N, C-alpha and C. Protein backbone atom coordinates (compact mmCIF):
# COMPACT_ATOMS: atom_id res chain seq x y z
N UNK A 1 93.20 -36.31 -80.61
CA UNK A 1 91.78 -36.12 -80.97
C UNK A 1 91.71 -37.13 -81.90
N UNK A 2 90.22 -37.53 -82.40
CA UNK A 2 89.93 -38.44 -83.20
C UNK A 2 89.78 -37.92 -84.78
N UNK A 3 89.95 -38.85 -85.60
CA UNK A 3 90.20 -38.18 -86.98
C UNK A 3 88.76 -38.53 -87.48
N UNK A 4 88.11 -37.49 -88.12
CA UNK A 4 86.73 -37.43 -88.60
C UNK A 4 86.55 -38.58 -89.44
N UNK A 5 85.38 -39.33 -89.27
CA UNK A 5 84.49 -40.68 -90.14
C UNK A 5 84.79 -40.17 -91.59
N UNK A 6 85.37 -41.27 -92.30
CA UNK A 6 85.92 -41.02 -93.62
C UNK A 6 84.77 -41.03 -94.82
N UNK A 7 83.42 -41.29 -94.13
CA UNK A 7 82.27 -41.33 -94.62
C UNK A 7 81.40 -39.93 -94.58
N UNK A 8 81.74 -39.08 -93.76
CA UNK A 8 81.28 -37.63 -93.46
C UNK A 8 80.85 -37.08 -94.72
N UNK A 9 81.63 -36.77 -95.51
CA UNK A 9 81.33 -35.65 -96.64
C UNK A 9 80.28 -36.63 -97.68
N UNK A 10 80.04 -37.91 -97.54
CA UNK A 10 79.19 -38.75 -98.47
C UNK A 10 78.06 -38.98 -97.56
N UNK A 11 77.93 -39.00 -96.39
CA UNK A 11 76.89 -39.18 -95.55
C UNK A 11 75.35 -38.61 -95.96
N UNK A 12 74.31 -39.31 -96.58
CA UNK A 12 73.07 -38.87 -96.96
C UNK A 12 72.61 -38.10 -95.64
N UNK A 13 72.45 -38.74 -94.16
CA UNK A 13 71.92 -38.40 -93.25
C UNK A 13 72.65 -36.70 -92.87
N UNK A 14 73.74 -36.66 -93.05
CA UNK A 14 74.60 -35.33 -92.57
C UNK A 14 74.08 -34.44 -93.88
N UNK A 15 74.29 -34.52 -95.09
CA UNK A 15 73.95 -33.92 -96.08
C UNK A 15 72.18 -33.40 -96.11
N UNK A 16 71.17 -34.36 -95.87
CA UNK A 16 70.10 -33.93 -95.57
C UNK A 16 69.55 -33.16 -94.38
N UNK A 17 69.94 -33.64 -93.17
CA UNK A 17 69.45 -33.14 -92.11
C UNK A 17 70.34 -31.79 -91.23
N UNK A 18 71.62 -32.05 -91.93
CA UNK A 18 72.50 -31.20 -91.62
C UNK A 18 72.07 -29.64 -91.72
N UNK A 19 71.44 -29.43 -92.89
CA UNK A 19 70.88 -28.00 -93.54
C UNK A 19 69.39 -27.78 -92.74
N UNK A 20 68.85 -28.79 -91.91
CA UNK A 20 67.44 -28.60 -91.38
C UNK A 20 67.70 -27.58 -90.05
N UNK A 21 67.01 -26.43 -90.24
CA UNK A 21 67.17 -25.35 -89.13
C UNK A 21 66.58 -25.98 -87.94
N UNK A 22 65.38 -26.74 -88.12
CA UNK A 22 64.70 -27.28 -86.73
C UNK A 22 65.55 -28.18 -86.05
N UNK A 23 66.40 -28.76 -86.53
CA UNK A 23 67.38 -29.96 -86.12
C UNK A 23 68.64 -29.76 -86.00
N UNK A 24 68.77 -28.48 -86.18
CA UNK A 24 70.35 -28.04 -86.29
C UNK A 24 71.33 -28.57 -85.39
N UNK A 25 70.95 -28.20 -84.26
CA UNK A 25 71.81 -28.53 -83.05
C UNK A 25 71.87 -29.91 -82.69
N UNK A 26 70.43 -30.51 -82.79
CA UNK A 26 70.62 -32.03 -82.67
C UNK A 26 71.61 -32.80 -83.50
N UNK A 27 71.72 -32.20 -84.84
CA UNK A 27 72.55 -32.87 -85.98
C UNK A 27 74.15 -32.52 -85.51
N UNK A 28 74.26 -31.50 -85.31
CA UNK A 28 75.70 -30.93 -84.82
C UNK A 28 76.35 -31.98 -83.86
N UNK A 29 75.31 -32.09 -82.68
CA UNK A 29 75.65 -32.88 -81.65
C UNK A 29 76.07 -34.86 -82.27
N UNK A 30 75.34 -35.20 -82.99
CA UNK A 30 75.52 -36.63 -83.56
C UNK A 30 76.68 -36.42 -84.31
N UNK A 31 76.93 -35.20 -85.16
CA UNK A 31 78.06 -35.29 -86.18
C UNK A 31 79.50 -35.00 -84.87
N UNK A 32 79.37 -34.21 -83.78
CA UNK A 32 80.59 -34.35 -82.93
C UNK A 32 80.76 -35.46 -82.47
N UNK A 33 79.67 -36.19 -82.13
CA UNK A 33 80.08 -37.50 -81.44
C UNK A 33 80.20 -38.62 -82.01
N UNK A 34 79.43 -38.84 -83.13
CA UNK A 34 79.54 -39.96 -84.31
C UNK A 34 80.57 -39.84 -85.30
N UNK A 35 80.54 -38.72 -85.65
CA UNK A 35 81.21 -38.36 -87.00
C UNK A 35 82.62 -37.87 -86.82
N UNK A 36 82.85 -37.35 -85.71
CA UNK A 36 84.43 -36.79 -85.37
C UNK A 36 84.72 -37.09 -83.75
N UNK A 37 83.89 -37.84 -83.24
CA UNK A 37 84.17 -38.19 -81.70
C UNK A 37 84.39 -39.74 -81.66
N UNK A 38 84.33 -39.85 -80.50
CA UNK A 38 84.87 -41.36 -79.95
C UNK A 38 83.71 -42.17 -80.08
N UNK A 39 82.64 -41.78 -80.36
CA UNK A 39 81.43 -42.82 -81.01
C UNK A 39 81.30 -43.54 -82.23
N UNK A 40 82.32 -43.05 -82.86
CA UNK A 40 82.48 -43.40 -84.49
C UNK A 40 82.49 -45.09 -84.35
N UNK A 41 82.89 -45.73 -83.37
CA UNK A 41 82.84 -47.27 -83.52
C UNK A 41 81.26 -47.88 -83.40
N UNK A 42 80.35 -46.96 -82.56
CA UNK A 42 79.18 -47.35 -82.28
C UNK A 42 78.17 -46.75 -83.36
N UNK A 43 78.61 -46.13 -84.32
CA UNK A 43 77.76 -45.85 -85.58
C UNK A 43 77.00 -46.59 -86.34
N UNK A 44 75.57 -46.87 -86.27
CA UNK A 44 75.19 -48.00 -86.89
C UNK A 44 74.82 -47.65 -88.42
N UNK A 45 74.84 -46.56 -88.68
CA UNK A 45 75.26 -45.78 -90.10
C UNK A 45 75.93 -46.46 -90.59
N UNK A 46 77.24 -46.18 -90.08
CA UNK A 46 78.60 -46.78 -90.87
C UNK A 46 78.86 -48.08 -90.76
N UNK A 47 78.02 -48.83 -89.85
CA UNK A 47 78.29 -50.61 -89.79
C UNK A 47 77.06 -51.01 -91.24
N UNK A 48 75.89 -50.38 -91.11
CA UNK A 48 75.32 -50.77 -92.48
C UNK A 48 75.72 -50.54 -93.67
N UNK A 49 76.50 -49.19 -93.69
CA UNK A 49 77.19 -48.69 -94.90
C UNK A 49 78.19 -49.68 -95.39
N UNK A 50 78.97 -50.24 -94.40
CA UNK A 50 80.08 -51.20 -94.65
C UNK A 50 79.49 -52.36 -95.32
N UNK A 51 78.43 -52.89 -94.63
CA UNK A 51 77.81 -54.17 -94.91
C UNK A 51 77.09 -54.18 -96.29
N UNK A 52 76.45 -53.04 -96.84
CA UNK A 52 75.97 -52.80 -97.86
C UNK A 52 76.62 -52.41 -98.95
N UNK A 53 77.95 -51.91 -98.67
CA UNK A 53 78.64 -51.20 -99.64
C UNK A 53 78.91 -49.75 -100.12
N UNK A 54 78.36 -48.92 -99.16
CA UNK A 54 78.29 -47.51 -99.31
C UNK A 54 77.18 -46.85 -98.68
N UNK A 55 77.46 -45.52 -98.15
CA UNK A 55 76.96 -44.72 -97.58
C UNK A 55 75.54 -44.37 -98.17
N UNK A 56 75.29 -44.33 -99.56
CA UNK A 56 74.14 -44.29 -100.29
C UNK A 56 72.91 -45.06 -100.16
N UNK A 57 73.54 -46.25 -99.62
CA UNK A 57 72.44 -47.36 -99.57
C UNK A 57 72.03 -47.64 -97.98
N UNK A 58 72.03 -46.55 -97.35
CA UNK A 58 71.66 -46.35 -95.88
C UNK A 58 70.81 -45.48 -95.99
N UNK A 59 69.54 -45.60 -95.59
CA UNK A 59 68.54 -44.71 -95.24
C UNK A 59 68.59 -43.38 -94.93
N UNK A 60 68.31 -42.60 -95.81
CA UNK A 60 68.78 -40.99 -95.32
C UNK A 60 68.16 -40.72 -93.76
N UNK A 61 67.08 -41.35 -93.47
CA UNK A 61 66.28 -40.95 -92.47
C UNK A 61 66.88 -41.49 -90.85
N UNK A 62 68.01 -42.40 -91.22
CA UNK A 62 68.88 -43.00 -90.28
C UNK A 62 69.48 -42.42 -89.38
N UNK A 63 69.28 -42.34 -88.26
CA UNK A 63 70.49 -41.53 -87.26
C UNK A 63 71.71 -42.54 -86.95
N UNK A 64 72.75 -41.69 -86.79
CA UNK A 64 73.78 -42.75 -86.18
C UNK A 64 73.50 -43.97 -85.28
N UNK A 65 72.30 -43.71 -84.25
CA UNK A 65 71.77 -44.56 -83.44
C UNK A 65 71.46 -45.82 -84.01
N UNK A 66 71.16 -45.81 -85.11
CA UNK A 66 70.14 -46.91 -85.93
C UNK A 66 68.60 -46.77 -86.12
N UNK A 67 68.33 -45.66 -85.42
CA UNK A 67 66.75 -45.21 -85.23
C UNK A 67 66.37 -44.37 -86.33
N UNK A 68 65.16 -44.32 -86.49
CA UNK A 68 64.77 -42.91 -87.58
C UNK A 68 64.80 -41.91 -86.80
N UNK A 69 65.14 -40.44 -87.85
CA UNK A 69 65.07 -39.42 -87.16
C UNK A 69 63.84 -39.08 -86.87
N UNK A 70 63.62 -38.24 -85.56
CA UNK A 70 62.12 -37.99 -85.17
C UNK A 70 61.23 -37.25 -86.33
N UNK A 71 59.85 -37.96 -86.49
CA UNK A 71 59.07 -37.41 -87.39
C UNK A 71 59.07 -38.17 -88.69
N UNK A 72 60.00 -39.23 -88.55
CA UNK A 72 60.10 -40.24 -89.65
C UNK A 72 59.88 -41.58 -89.04
N UNK A 73 59.69 -42.65 -89.98
CA UNK A 73 59.52 -43.92 -89.78
C UNK A 73 60.40 -45.05 -90.64
N UNK A 74 60.44 -46.09 -90.21
CA UNK A 74 61.51 -47.19 -90.91
C UNK A 74 60.82 -47.69 -92.09
N UNK A 75 59.33 -47.32 -92.47
CA UNK A 75 58.50 -47.93 -93.03
C UNK A 75 58.71 -48.05 -94.48
N UNK A 76 59.72 -47.33 -95.03
CA UNK A 76 60.41 -47.21 -96.47
C UNK A 76 61.89 -47.92 -96.32
N UNK A 77 62.34 -48.52 -95.39
CA UNK A 77 63.63 -49.12 -95.09
C UNK A 77 63.56 -50.64 -95.90
N UNK A 78 64.54 -50.61 -97.02
CA UNK A 78 64.33 -52.11 -97.19
C UNK A 78 64.74 -53.35 -96.02
N UNK A 79 64.05 -54.50 -96.53
CA UNK A 79 64.32 -55.63 -95.39
C UNK A 79 65.69 -55.78 -94.99
N UNK A 80 66.41 -55.90 -96.12
CA UNK A 80 67.80 -56.12 -96.02
C UNK A 80 68.80 -55.06 -94.49
N UNK A 81 68.18 -53.74 -94.60
CA UNK A 81 68.44 -52.79 -93.78
C UNK A 81 68.09 -53.24 -92.51
N UNK A 82 66.67 -53.41 -92.34
CA UNK A 82 65.98 -53.72 -91.17
C UNK A 82 66.75 -54.78 -90.46
N UNK A 83 67.21 -56.05 -91.08
CA UNK A 83 67.84 -56.92 -90.62
C UNK A 83 68.95 -56.65 -90.05
N UNK A 84 69.88 -56.11 -90.71
CA UNK A 84 71.14 -55.50 -90.17
C UNK A 84 70.90 -54.73 -88.85
N UNK A 85 70.05 -53.82 -89.14
CA UNK A 85 69.95 -52.90 -87.88
C UNK A 85 69.30 -53.52 -86.74
N UNK A 86 68.50 -54.70 -86.88
CA UNK A 86 67.86 -55.45 -85.70
C UNK A 86 69.08 -56.33 -85.15
N UNK A 87 70.06 -56.79 -86.02
CA UNK A 87 71.08 -57.57 -85.69
C UNK A 87 72.07 -56.81 -85.02
N UNK A 88 72.24 -55.35 -85.13
CA UNK A 88 73.38 -54.57 -84.34
C UNK A 88 72.68 -54.12 -83.02
N UNK A 89 71.22 -53.57 -82.99
CA UNK A 89 70.78 -53.12 -82.03
C UNK A 89 70.45 -53.92 -80.93
N UNK A 90 69.52 -54.99 -81.26
CA UNK A 90 69.34 -56.06 -80.14
C UNK A 90 70.07 -57.37 -80.27
């Protein structure tokens, strides 16, 4: 069994969207795969967090895939975050 991500308790994405009833099952799926599962190494949030110095510097609406959660945009993401994400995804 894989140990849970050390950033899980501080992750703004989990804190904000983990309580959203409309997205509850999708968030549980992300947590099981990216925070507690074998996809931890692929978590873009974790990579951006390491690069910027902490999970609080990663936009709350960024999913572990590096994309904004449905119904939101990257419009308010800082330029440095966008550049890191572009480098990791493309």
